[in-house]
């Protein structure tokens, strides 16, 4: 009985959608299983929108919706939906008809219960997460998109008590952890601790053939220069969102000097968190482990709280409006706002690495409006030479930052681009494509997104090129379809009038 209770509890409090969906797929082989998804929260909700729970017909559940205050009722409601074969949307807390189930936080949680979920939709989401790719779940029942990131992975290389303590804490937190040790007593201790992903390091020149993905962290806990330099160089060649190394500030300065002598670029060296840990100068392995893991988790959530955390948005707003017969087209009225304000409000709820707006010189009213909207405004004195000059200005402004992996190019005269389309472009490059561009009516156009590997080529563009030729020269670029009803731009007064008329149809 104890074993059964333990197994149920473990599944009840699964957190990551990959795990909940794995259980959903497994249970579906034996009985009907509903999926519950949080679609909206207000106040201090325990879980964010998109959190999942699987509920089987026999009452078993995997995942959770709250801190325990409503989960039991959600399970009963899901069983009712399974019995009736009808979906439901329920509100708990403020504004809820369930007066006997108030939320202590004073907020509200809205959930959607799907007794017959779209199997291909959720299975595809699960498959992408298993493949270490981000997944976007478009829920037709509510018209919402939910973004899920792969689970955090941790690699630790070191000697002594420090790496053993960090690996022990990470495993207890449910984090997939690989531990690299030089053998000897440390390896035996790790085996006795139950660590399964153990790799014995050979000589300093014998490095494991690993390239971390963007959802992996690497922590180096050696104190031997001959060991750590090669390991760090190898880690910096990958895409890990976090690379950390133990040691004092003086030790870290010497470490960086050695890496420079090995030809490692300054941008890569600046990625290293050193000395690693939120709390400086920890002297006990157990406390150092808490300090380091806290920093890793904080960086994981900071980098992946938004799809665009490592993407710069570059808004091109330096055009001359030469074909527009009534002055500055970007300052013309469209749907009750200035045309420029529509593009300026792109992705208002998403955190981006940077928001750069390129305007003419002098910047005038365009620059003032964009600055007020939170954009960093850069005047382009060469705007008259064509679109490429503005694109070069934007990319050059972000190239030096090691925290920017992608640039998304937006045009200020395209006022109707949906946020969901921008997220699909971003998802494409996060899935491994070097670039993604909008395809509408058989034509490639902005918005477009390029990975850092294309930054140098973008700064070499000339004339009116907006990156289409560069995109077509890349292997495995992704074309993301967009309905022409949203992909229009405004060049003439007639364009503006037609767009206004279409908007009111």
Protein backbone atom coordinates (compact mmCIF):
# COMPACT_ATOMS: atom_id res chain seq x y z
CA UNK A 1 0.00 0.00 0.00
CA UNK A 2 2.83 2.40 0.85
CA UNK A 3 4.34 1.87 -2.60
CA UNK A 4 1.03 2.62 -4.35
CA UNK A 5 0.47 5.80 -2.35
CA UNK A 6 4.00 6.96 -3.12
CA UNK A 7 3.52 6.35 -6.86
CA UNK A 8 0.21 8.24 -6.91
CA UNK A 9 1.65 11.20 -5.01
CA UNK A 10 4.64 11.39 -7.33
CA UNK A 11 2.41 11.63 -10.38
CA UNK A 12 -0.09 13.96 -8.69
CA UNK A 13 2.53 16.66 -8.35
CA UNK A 14 4.23 16.37 -11.71
CA UNK A 15 5.04 19.87 -12.91
CA UNK A 16 6.53 19.92 -16.38
CA UNK A 17 4.13 19.46 -19.32
CA UNK A 18 6.42 16.79 -20.77
CA UNK A 19 5.84 14.63 -17.69
CA UNK A 20 2.09 15.28 -17.50
CA UNK A 21 1.65 14.49 -21.18
CA UNK A 22 3.76 11.33 -20.82
CA UNK A 23 1.37 10.14 -18.13
CA UNK A 24 -1.66 11.16 -20.21
CA UNK A 25 -0.40 9.09 -23.15
CA UNK A 26 0.33 6.11 -20.90
CA UNK A 27 -3.05 6.13 -19.14
CA UNK A 28 -5.01 6.61 -22.38
CA UNK A 29 -4.08 3.06 -23.37
CA UNK A 30 -6.29 1.73 -20.55
CA UNK A 31 -9.09 4.27 -20.09
CA UNK A 32 -10.39 7.75 -21.03
CA UNK A 33 -8.23 10.57 -19.65
CA UNK A 34 -9.12 14.26 -19.63
CA UNK A 35 -6.65 17.11 -19.84
CA UNK A 36 -7.09 20.22 -17.71
CA UNK A 37 -5.26 23.40 -18.67
CA UNK A 38 -5.09 26.73 -16.84
CA UNK A 39 -6.18 29.35 -19.35
CA UNK A 40 -6.10 32.47 -17.19
CA UNK A 41 -5.10 33.65 -13.71
CA UNK A 42 -5.44 36.85 -11.72
CA UNK A 43 -3.76 37.67 -8.45
CA UNK A 44 -1.21 35.43 -6.77
CA UNK A 45 -1.97 32.11 -8.47
CA UNK A 46 0.40 29.24 -7.67
CA UNK A 47 0.68 28.08 -11.30
CA UNK A 48 0.85 30.01 -14.55
CA UNK A 49 -1.46 29.78 -17.59
CA UNK A 50 -0.65 26.67 -19.62
CA UNK A 51 -0.10 24.41 -16.59
CA UNK A 52 -1.53 20.95 -17.24
CA UNK A 53 -3.27 18.22 -15.27
CA UNK A 54 -4.29 14.78 -16.58
CA UNK A 55 -7.31 13.19 -14.92
CA UNK A 56 -8.25 9.56 -15.57
CA UNK A 57 -11.77 8.19 -15.39
CA UNK A 58 -10.90 6.35 -12.16
CA UNK A 59 -9.85 9.60 -10.44
CA UNK A 60 -6.10 9.32 -10.74
CA UNK A 61 -4.42 12.61 -11.55
CA UNK A 62 -1.03 13.76 -12.80
CA UNK A 63 0.01 17.38 -12.48
CA UNK A 64 -1.64 20.04 -10.35
CA UNK A 65 -3.52 23.31 -10.75
CA UNK A 66 -3.11 25.08 -7.42
CA UNK A 67 -1.54 24.77 -4.00
CA UNK A 68 -4.10 22.09 -3.12
CA UNK A 69 -7.11 24.34 -2.51
CA UNK A 70 -9.10 23.41 -5.62
CA UNK A 71 -7.40 20.35 -7.14
CA UNK A 72 -9.78 17.83 -5.62
CA UNK A 73 -12.78 19.64 -7.12
CA UNK A 74 -11.03 19.97 -10.50
CA UNK A 75 -10.57 16.19 -10.52
CA UNK A 76 -14.28 15.65 -9.79
CA UNK A 77 -15.26 18.14 -12.51
CA UNK A 78 -12.95 16.41 -14.99
CA UNK A 79 -14.50 13.03 -14.18
CA UNK A 80 -17.93 14.55 -14.82
CA UNK A 81 -16.77 15.90 -18.18
CA UNK A 82 -15.44 12.44 -19.07
CA UNK A 83 -18.76 10.84 -18.18
CA UNK A 84 -20.75 13.39 -20.20
CA UNK A 85 -18.24 13.72 -23.06
CA UNK A 86 -18.46 17.52 -22.92
CA UNK A 87 -15.69 20.08 -22.31
CA UNK A 88 -16.05 22.77 -19.66
CA UNK A 89 -14.54 26.09 -18.65
CA UNK A 90 -14.58 26.82 -14.93
CA UNK A 91 -13.56 29.73 -12.74
CA UNK A 92 -12.33 29.37 -9.17
CA UNK A 93 -11.81 32.24 -6.75
CA UNK A 94 -12.95 35.79 -7.54
CA UNK A 95 -16.12 35.71 -9.64
CA UNK A 96 -16.59 31.96 -9.24
CA UNK A 97 -19.95 30.27 -8.57
CA UNK A 98 -18.09 27.87 -6.25
CA UNK A 99 -18.49 30.01 -3.13
CA UNK A 100 -17.28 27.20 -0.90
CA UNK A 101 -13.90 27.13 -2.67
CA UNK A 102 -12.36 30.58 -2.15
CA UNK A 103 -8.71 31.08 -3.05
CA UNK A 104 -6.62 32.29 -0.09
CA UNK A 105 -4.61 34.48 -2.48
CA UNK A 106 -7.75 36.42 -3.39
CA UNK A 107 -7.25 35.92 -7.12
CA UNK A 108 -8.91 33.71 -9.70
CA UNK A 109 -8.00 30.63 -11.74
CA UNK A 110 -9.79 29.74 -14.97
CA UNK A 111 -9.40 26.23 -16.33
CA UNK A 112 -10.50 24.43 -19.48
CA UNK A 113 -11.35 20.72 -19.15
CA UNK A 114 -11.00 18.67 -22.33
CA UNK A 115 -12.47 15.16 -22.02
CA UNK A 116 -11.51 14.34 -25.60
CA UNK A 117 -8.36 16.37 -26.33
CA UNK A 118 -7.03 16.60 -29.86
CA UNK A 119 -4.65 13.64 -29.67
CA UNK A 120 -2.37 14.77 -32.52
CA UNK A 121 -2.08 18.29 -31.08
CA UNK A 122 -1.00 17.23 -27.61
CA UNK A 123 1.06 14.27 -28.82
CA UNK A 124 2.99 16.60 -31.13
CA UNK A 125 3.59 18.96 -28.22
CA UNK A 126 4.91 16.06 -26.16
CA UNK A 127 7.13 14.82 -29.00
CA UNK A 128 8.73 18.26 -29.44
CA UNK A 129 9.51 18.53 -25.74
CA UNK A 130 11.02 15.04 -25.74
CA UNK A 131 13.17 16.12 -28.70
CA UNK A 132 14.43 19.11 -26.67
CA UNK A 133 12.50 21.63 -28.78
CA UNK A 134 10.10 24.31 -27.59
CA UNK A 135 6.44 23.65 -28.25
CA UNK A 136 3.53 25.98 -28.89
CA UNK A 137 0.07 24.68 -28.05
CA UNK A 138 -2.71 26.50 -29.92
CA UNK A 139 -5.90 25.77 -28.02
CA UNK A 140 -8.80 26.18 -30.44
CA UNK A 141 -11.36 25.97 -27.62
CA UNK A 142 -10.15 29.29 -26.18
CA UNK A 143 -8.17 30.82 -29.06
CA UNK A 144 -4.99 30.95 -26.96
CA UNK A 145 -1.39 29.95 -27.54
CA UNK A 146 0.73 28.43 -24.77
CA UNK A 147 4.50 28.09 -25.01
CA UNK A 148 6.42 25.27 -23.35
CA UNK A 149 10.19 24.95 -23.03
CA UNK A 150 12.22 21.74 -22.66
CA UNK A 151 13.19 20.73 -19.15
CA UNK A 152 16.29 22.07 -17.48
CA UNK A 153 19.35 19.85 -17.77
CA UNK A 154 22.53 20.21 -15.78
CA UNK A 155 26.08 19.05 -16.48
CA UNK A 156 28.63 19.23 -13.68
CA UNK A 157 32.35 18.58 -13.98
CA UNK A 158 34.64 18.66 -10.99
CA UNK A 159 36.48 17.01 -8.15
CA UNK A 160 35.75 16.68 -4.44
CA UNK A 161 32.75 17.56 -2.30
CA UNK A 162 31.47 20.50 -4.37
CA UNK A 163 30.27 18.68 -7.51
CA UNK A 164 28.91 15.78 -5.46
CA UNK A 165 26.82 18.13 -3.29
CA UNK A 166 25.50 20.05 -6.31
CA UNK A 167 24.57 16.85 -8.17
CA UNK A 168 22.82 15.50 -5.07
CA UNK A 169 20.72 18.66 -4.69
CA UNK A 170 19.91 18.89 -8.40
CA UNK A 171 18.72 15.28 -8.54
CA UNK A 172 16.56 15.82 -5.45
CA UNK A 173 14.97 18.75 -7.31
CA UNK A 174 14.05 16.53 -10.26
CA UNK A 175 16.66 18.00 -12.61
CA UNK A 176 18.29 15.63 -15.08
CA UNK A 177 21.95 15.76 -14.07
CA UNK A 178 25.12 14.39 -15.63
CA UNK A 179 28.20 14.29 -13.45
CA UNK A 180 31.76 14.20 -14.83
CA UNK A 181 34.39 13.05 -12.36
CA UNK A 182 38.06 12.04 -12.74
CA UNK A 183 37.45 8.67 -11.08
CA UNK A 184 38.79 7.43 -7.77
CA UNK A 185 36.95 8.00 -4.44
CA UNK A 186 34.58 10.61 -5.92
CA UNK A 187 33.24 8.12 -8.43
CA UNK A 188 32.60 5.55 -5.71
CA UNK A 189 30.78 8.11 -3.55
CA UNK A 190 28.64 9.17 -6.49
CA UNK A 191 27.74 5.55 -7.24
CA UNK A 192 26.78 4.98 -3.60
CA UNK A 193 24.63 8.14 -3.76
CA UNK A 194 22.68 6.59 -6.62
CA UNK A 195 23.85 8.89 -9.42
CA UNK A 196 23.13 7.15 -12.71
CA UNK A 197 24.51 9.60 -15.29
CA UNK A 198 28.18 9.31 -14.34
CA UNK A 199 31.03 9.84 -16.78
CA UNK A 200 34.67 9.22 -15.91
CA UNK A 201 37.00 11.90 -17.24
CA UNK A 202 40.31 10.84 -18.71
CA UNK A 203 43.20 13.21 -19.26
CA UNK A 204 42.74 16.95 -19.66
CA UNK A 205 42.78 16.51 -23.44
CA UNK A 206 40.15 13.76 -23.45
CA UNK A 207 36.91 15.73 -23.38
CA UNK A 208 33.37 14.34 -23.63
CA UNK A 209 31.86 15.02 -27.08
CA UNK A 210 28.94 17.15 -25.84
CA UNK A 211 27.19 20.21 -27.28
CA UNK A 212 24.69 21.62 -24.81
CA UNK A 213 21.37 22.92 -26.07
CA UNK A 214 19.76 26.20 -25.03
CA UNK A 215 17.96 24.57 -22.08
CA UNK A 216 21.11 23.11 -20.51
CA UNK A 217 23.51 24.48 -17.92
CA UNK A 218 27.16 23.59 -17.34
CA UNK A 219 28.98 24.14 -14.03
CA UNK A 220 32.71 23.62 -13.77
CA UNK A 221 33.87 22.79 -10.22
CA UNK A 222 37.53 21.95 -10.71
CA UNK A 223 40.26 24.02 -9.15
CA UNK A 224 42.88 22.78 -11.63
CA UNK A 225 43.68 25.09 -14.55
CA UNK A 226 44.81 22.22 -16.75
CA UNK A 227 41.42 20.57 -16.26
CA UNK A 228 39.06 23.51 -16.45
CA UNK A 229 40.29 25.38 -19.54
CA UNK A 230 39.43 22.64 -22.03
CA UNK A 231 36.11 21.89 -20.37
CA UNK A 232 35.11 25.54 -20.42
CA UNK A 233 36.19 25.99 -24.02
CA UNK A 234 34.10 22.97 -24.95
CA UNK A 235 31.06 24.26 -23.03
CA UNK A 236 31.33 27.74 -24.56
CA UNK A 237 31.20 26.19 -28.04
CA UNK A 238 27.67 24.95 -27.31
CA UNK A 239 24.39 26.75 -26.70
CA UNK A 240 24.11 26.33 -22.93
CA UNK A 241 22.08 29.15 -21.37
CA UNK A 242 24.38 29.03 -18.34
CA UNK A 243 28.10 28.35 -17.97
CA UNK A 244 29.52 28.76 -14.48
CA UNK A 245 32.83 28.13 -12.73
CA UNK A 246 33.89 28.11 -9.08
CA UNK A 247 36.76 30.12 -7.67
CA UNK A 248 37.56 33.59 -6.37
CA UNK A 249 37.37 36.78 -8.40
CA UNK A 250 41.15 36.64 -8.83
CA UNK A 251 40.96 33.02 -9.98
CA UNK A 252 38.26 33.92 -12.47
CA UNK A 253 40.28 36.83 -13.87
CA UNK A 254 43.24 34.50 -14.46
CA UNK A 255 40.91 31.95 -16.01
CA UNK A 256 39.57 34.52 -18.48
CA UNK A 257 43.12 35.54 -19.43
CA UNK A 258 43.99 31.92 -20.21
CA UNK A 259 40.88 31.53 -22.36
CA UNK A 260 41.81 34.66 -24.31
CA UNK A 261 45.23 33.14 -24.97
CA UNK A 262 43.44 30.06 -26.32
CA UNK A 263 41.66 32.29 -28.85
CA UNK A 264 38.23 32.34 -27.19
CA UNK A 265 36.29 35.47 -28.14
CA UNK A 266 35.47 38.07 -25.51
CA UNK A 267 31.75 37.62 -26.14
CA UNK A 268 32.02 33.93 -25.23
CA UNK A 269 34.19 34.57 -22.20
CA UNK A 270 31.63 37.04 -20.89
CA UNK A 271 29.06 34.22 -20.82
CA UNK A 272 30.86 32.60 -17.87
CA UNK A 273 29.33 33.20 -14.45
CA UNK A 274 32.35 33.39 -12.24
CA UNK A 275 32.63 33.15 -9.34
CA UNK A 276 29.47 31.06 -9.72
CA UNK A 277 26.63 31.28 -7.21
CA UNK A 278 24.15 33.86 -5.91
CA UNK A 279 25.89 34.12 -2.53
CA UNK A 280 29.62 34.93 -2.71
CA UNK A 281 32.41 33.13 -0.86
CA UNK A 282 30.50 30.05 0.28
CA UNK A 283 32.89 27.72 2.12
CA UNK A 284 30.69 24.66 2.63
CA UNK A 285 29.88 22.33 -0.25
CA UNK A 286 26.22 22.00 0.70
CA UNK A 287 25.68 25.76 0.92
CA UNK A 288 27.64 26.33 -2.29
CA UNK A 289 25.33 23.83 -3.98
CA UNK A 290 22.26 25.81 -2.87
CA UNK A 291 23.86 29.05 -4.04
CA UNK A 292 24.84 27.66 -7.45
CA UNK A 293 21.59 25.82 -8.16
CA UNK A 294 19.59 28.92 -7.21
CA UNK A 295 21.54 30.94 -9.76
CA UNK A 296 21.09 28.30 -12.46
CA UNK A 297 17.33 28.12 -11.88
CA UNK A 298 17.03 31.92 -11.80
CA UNK A 299 18.83 32.21 -15.13
CA UNK A 300 16.74 29.42 -16.65
CA UNK A 301 13.51 31.20 -15.80
CA UNK A 302 14.85 34.63 -16.73
CA UNK A 303 16.06 33.47 -20.14
CA UNK A 304 12.97 31.41 -20.96
CA UNK A 305 10.16 33.34 -19.28
CA UNK A 306 9.59 34.82 -22.74
CA UNK A 307 10.35 33.39 -26.15
CA UNK A 308 12.10 36.65 -26.99
CA UNK A 309 14.45 36.95 -24.00
CA UNK A 310 17.46 36.40 -26.28
CA UNK A 311 15.97 38.09 -29.34
CA UNK A 312 16.33 41.74 -30.31
CA UNK A 313 13.39 43.36 -32.06
CA UNK A 314 14.52 45.80 -34.75
CA UNK A 315 11.77 48.07 -36.06
CA UNK A 316 12.58 49.76 -39.36
CA UNK A 317 10.86 53.16 -39.39
CA UNK A 318 13.19 55.34 -41.47
CA UNK A 319 11.39 55.24 -44.84
CA UNK A 320 10.74 58.50 -46.72
CA UNK A 321 6.99 57.97 -47.36
CA UNK A 322 7.72 59.11 -50.94
CA UNK A 323 4.66 57.33 -52.38
CA UNK A 324 2.29 58.64 -49.73
CA UNK A 325 0.54 61.80 -50.94
CA UNK A 326 -0.50 63.14 -47.53
CA UNK A 327 2.74 63.74 -45.65
CA UNK A 328 4.31 61.21 -43.30
CA UNK A 329 2.43 57.93 -43.65
CA UNK A 330 3.67 56.60 -40.31
CA UNK A 331 2.01 59.55 -38.55
CA UNK A 332 -1.30 59.08 -40.39
CA UNK A 333 -4.35 57.82 -38.52
CA UNK A 334 -5.24 54.14 -38.80
CA UNK A 335 -7.93 52.51 -36.68
CA UNK A 336 -7.91 55.35 -34.17
CA UNK A 337 -4.13 55.46 -33.69
CA UNK A 338 -1.10 56.67 -35.58
CA UNK A 339 0.12 54.02 -38.00
CA UNK A 340 3.53 53.86 -36.31
CA UNK A 341 1.93 53.09 -32.95
CA UNK A 342 0.60 49.74 -34.17
CA UNK A 343 4.04 48.31 -34.89
CA UNK A 344 5.47 50.03 -31.82
CA UNK A 345 3.09 47.98 -29.65
CA UNK A 346 4.29 44.63 -31.00
CA UNK A 347 4.54 41.94 -28.31
CA UNK A 348 3.69 44.25 -25.40
CA UNK A 349 3.53 41.38 -22.90
CA UNK A 350 6.80 39.70 -23.96
CA UNK A 351 10.25 40.47 -22.62
CA UNK A 352 12.71 41.02 -25.47
CA UNK A 353 16.50 41.25 -25.25
CA UNK A 354 16.29 44.70 -26.88
CA UNK A 355 13.83 46.90 -28.77
CA UNK A 356 15.69 48.96 -31.36
CA UNK A 357 13.87 51.42 -33.65
CA UNK A 358 15.65 52.89 -36.67
CA UNK A 359 14.31 56.30 -37.74
CA UNK A 360 15.47 59.07 -40.10
CA UNK A 361 17.89 61.74 -38.98
CA UNK A 362 16.65 63.93 -37.41
CA UNK A 363 14.26 61.57 -35.65
CA UNK A 364 11.40 64.05 -35.22
CA UNK A 365 7.94 62.91 -34.17
CA UNK A 366 8.62 59.30 -35.19
CA UNK A 367 11.49 59.04 -32.76
CA UNK A 368 9.56 60.75 -29.98
CA UNK A 369 6.61 58.37 -30.27
CA UNK A 370 8.83 55.29 -30.39
CA UNK A 371 10.93 56.42 -27.45
CA UNK A 372 7.76 56.99 -25.45
CA UNK A 373 6.69 53.42 -26.33
CA UNK A 374 9.92 52.04 -24.84
CA UNK A 375 12.09 51.62 -27.93
CA UNK A 376 15.76 52.58 -28.14
CA UNK A 377 15.75 55.04 -31.03
CA UNK A 378 18.69 55.19 -33.44
CA UNK A 379 18.64 57.85 -36.21
CA UNK A 380 19.97 56.63 -39.56
CA UNK A 381 21.66 59.44 -41.52
CA UNK A 382 21.87 57.17 -44.59
CA UNK A 383 18.19 56.22 -44.67
CA UNK A 384 17.79 57.62 -48.19
CA UNK A 385 20.14 54.96 -49.58
CA UNK A 386 17.61 52.21 -48.94
CA UNK A 387 16.21 49.73 -46.44
CA UNK A 388 19.49 47.86 -46.01
CA UNK A 389 21.16 50.87 -44.36
CA UNK A 390 18.54 50.84 -41.60
CA UNK A 391 18.88 47.10 -41.21
CA UNK A 392 22.65 47.50 -40.85
CA UNK A 393 22.15 50.14 -38.13
CA UNK A 394 19.88 47.84 -36.15
CA UNK A 395 22.06 44.75 -36.35
CA UNK A 396 25.26 46.64 -35.54
CA UNK A 397 23.59 48.01 -32.40
CA UNK A 398 23.10 44.50 -30.99
CA UNK A 399 26.05 42.49 -32.32
CA UNK A 400 28.33 43.20 -29.36
CA UNK A 401 25.87 41.80 -26.81
CA UNK A 402 26.58 38.14 -25.94
CA UNK A 403 23.02 37.78 -24.62
CA UNK A 404 21.39 38.24 -28.03
CA UNK A 405 21.06 35.15 -30.21
CA UNK A 406 18.51 36.36 -32.78
CA UNK A 407 17.26 39.51 -34.47
CA UNK A 408 13.64 39.91 -35.52
CA UNK A 409 13.04 42.48 -38.26
CA UNK A 410 9.75 44.38 -38.21
CA UNK A 411 8.47 47.07 -40.57
CA UNK A 412 6.69 50.11 -39.14
CA UNK A 413 4.24 50.26 -42.06
CA UNK A 414 2.84 46.75 -41.39
CA UNK A 415 0.23 47.48 -38.70
CA UNK A 416 -1.69 44.19 -38.52
CA UNK A 417 0.93 41.52 -37.79
CA UNK A 418 -0.49 39.23 -35.05
CA UNK A 419 1.64 38.47 -32.02
CA UNK A 420 0.97 34.76 -32.61
CA UNK A 421 2.73 34.99 -35.98
CA UNK A 422 5.80 36.59 -34.40
CA UNK A 423 5.87 33.78 -31.87
CA UNK A 424 5.73 31.19 -34.64
CA UNK A 425 8.72 32.86 -36.33
CA UNK A 426 10.60 32.75 -33.03
CA UNK A 427 9.65 29.12 -32.47
CA UNK A 428 11.15 28.23 -35.84
CA UNK A 429 14.65 29.45 -34.94
CA UNK A 430 14.42 27.99 -31.45
CA UNK A 431 13.71 24.68 -33.15
CA UNK A 432 17.00 24.85 -35.05
CA UNK A 433 16.27 26.77 -38.26
CA UNK A 434 18.89 29.49 -38.97
CA UNK A 435 16.19 31.95 -40.04
CA UNK A 436 12.46 32.26 -40.58
CA UNK A 437 10.54 34.58 -42.87
CA UNK A 438 6.90 35.38 -43.51
CA UNK A 439 5.27 33.74 -46.52
CA UNK A 440 2.05 35.38 -47.67
CA UNK A 441 0.36 35.19 -51.05
CA UNK A 442 3.32 33.25 -52.41
CA UNK A 443 5.76 36.03 -51.47
CA UNK A 444 8.45 36.19 -48.81
CA UNK A 445 8.52 39.34 -46.70
CA UNK A 446 9.15 40.67 -43.19
CA UNK A 447 8.61 40.10 -40.38
CA UNK A 448 11.68 37.88 -40.42
CA UNK A 449 14.07 36.50 -37.86
CA UNK A 450 17.76 35.57 -38.24
CA UNK A 451 20.13 33.77 -35.88
CA UNK A 452 23.44 35.30 -34.78
CA UNK A 453 25.33 33.32 -37.43
CA UNK A 454 23.73 35.62 -40.04
CA UNK A 455 24.47 38.93 -38.30
CA UNK A 456 27.65 39.59 -40.29
CA UNK A 457 25.86 38.92 -43.57
CA UNK A 458 22.99 41.22 -42.57
CA UNK A 459 25.42 44.09 -42.00
CA UNK A 460 26.79 43.59 -45.54
CA UNK A 461 23.42 44.09 -47.28
CA UNK A 462 23.04 47.03 -49.66
CA UNK A 463 20.25 48.99 -51.33
CA UNK A 464 16.63 48.10 -50.59
CA UNK A 465 17.33 44.52 -49.52
CA UNK A 466 15.39 43.49 -46.44
CA UNK A 467 17.10 40.12 -46.11
CA UNK A 468 15.06 38.06 -48.59
CA UNK A 469 18.07 37.14 -50.76
CA UNK A 470 20.09 36.23 -47.69
CA UNK A 471 17.25 34.08 -46.38
CA UNK A 472 16.97 32.21 -49.67
CA UNK A 473 20.72 31.53 -49.63
CA UNK A 474 20.54 29.81 -46.25
CA UNK A 475 19.98 26.10 -45.89
CA UNK A 476 16.91 25.02 -43.94
CA UNK A 477 15.30 28.43 -43.53
CA UNK A 478 11.67 28.23 -42.40
CA UNK A 479 8.82 29.94 -44.28
CA UNK A 480 5.96 30.72 -41.90
CA UNK A 481 2.60 31.28 -43.58
CA UNK A 482 0.47 34.33 -42.80
CA UNK A 483 -2.96 35.22 -44.15
CA UNK A 484 -2.63 38.18 -46.60
CA UNK A 485 -5.35 39.90 -44.58
CA UNK A 486 -2.66 40.54 -41.95
CA UNK A 487 0.46 40.78 -44.13
CA UNK A 488 -0.29 44.05 -45.92
CA UNK A 489 1.86 47.16 -45.71
CA UNK A 490 0.91 50.80 -46.25
CA UNK A 491 2.69 52.65 -49.07
CA UNK A 492 0.00 54.89 -50.52
CA UNK A 493 -3.13 56.75 -49.42
CA UNK A 494 -5.15 54.14 -51.31
CA UNK A 495 -3.46 51.36 -49.30
CA UNK A 496 -4.46 53.14 -46.11
CA UNK A 497 -8.06 53.59 -47.22
CA UNK A 498 -8.40 49.96 -48.31
CA UNK A 499 -6.91 48.76 -45.01
CA UNK A 500 -9.39 50.90 -43.06
CA UNK A 501 -12.28 49.55 -45.08
CA UNK A 502 -11.15 45.95 -44.65
CA UNK A 503 -10.80 46.44 -40.90
CA UNK A 504 -14.46 47.43 -40.63
CA UNK A 505 -15.88 44.64 -42.77
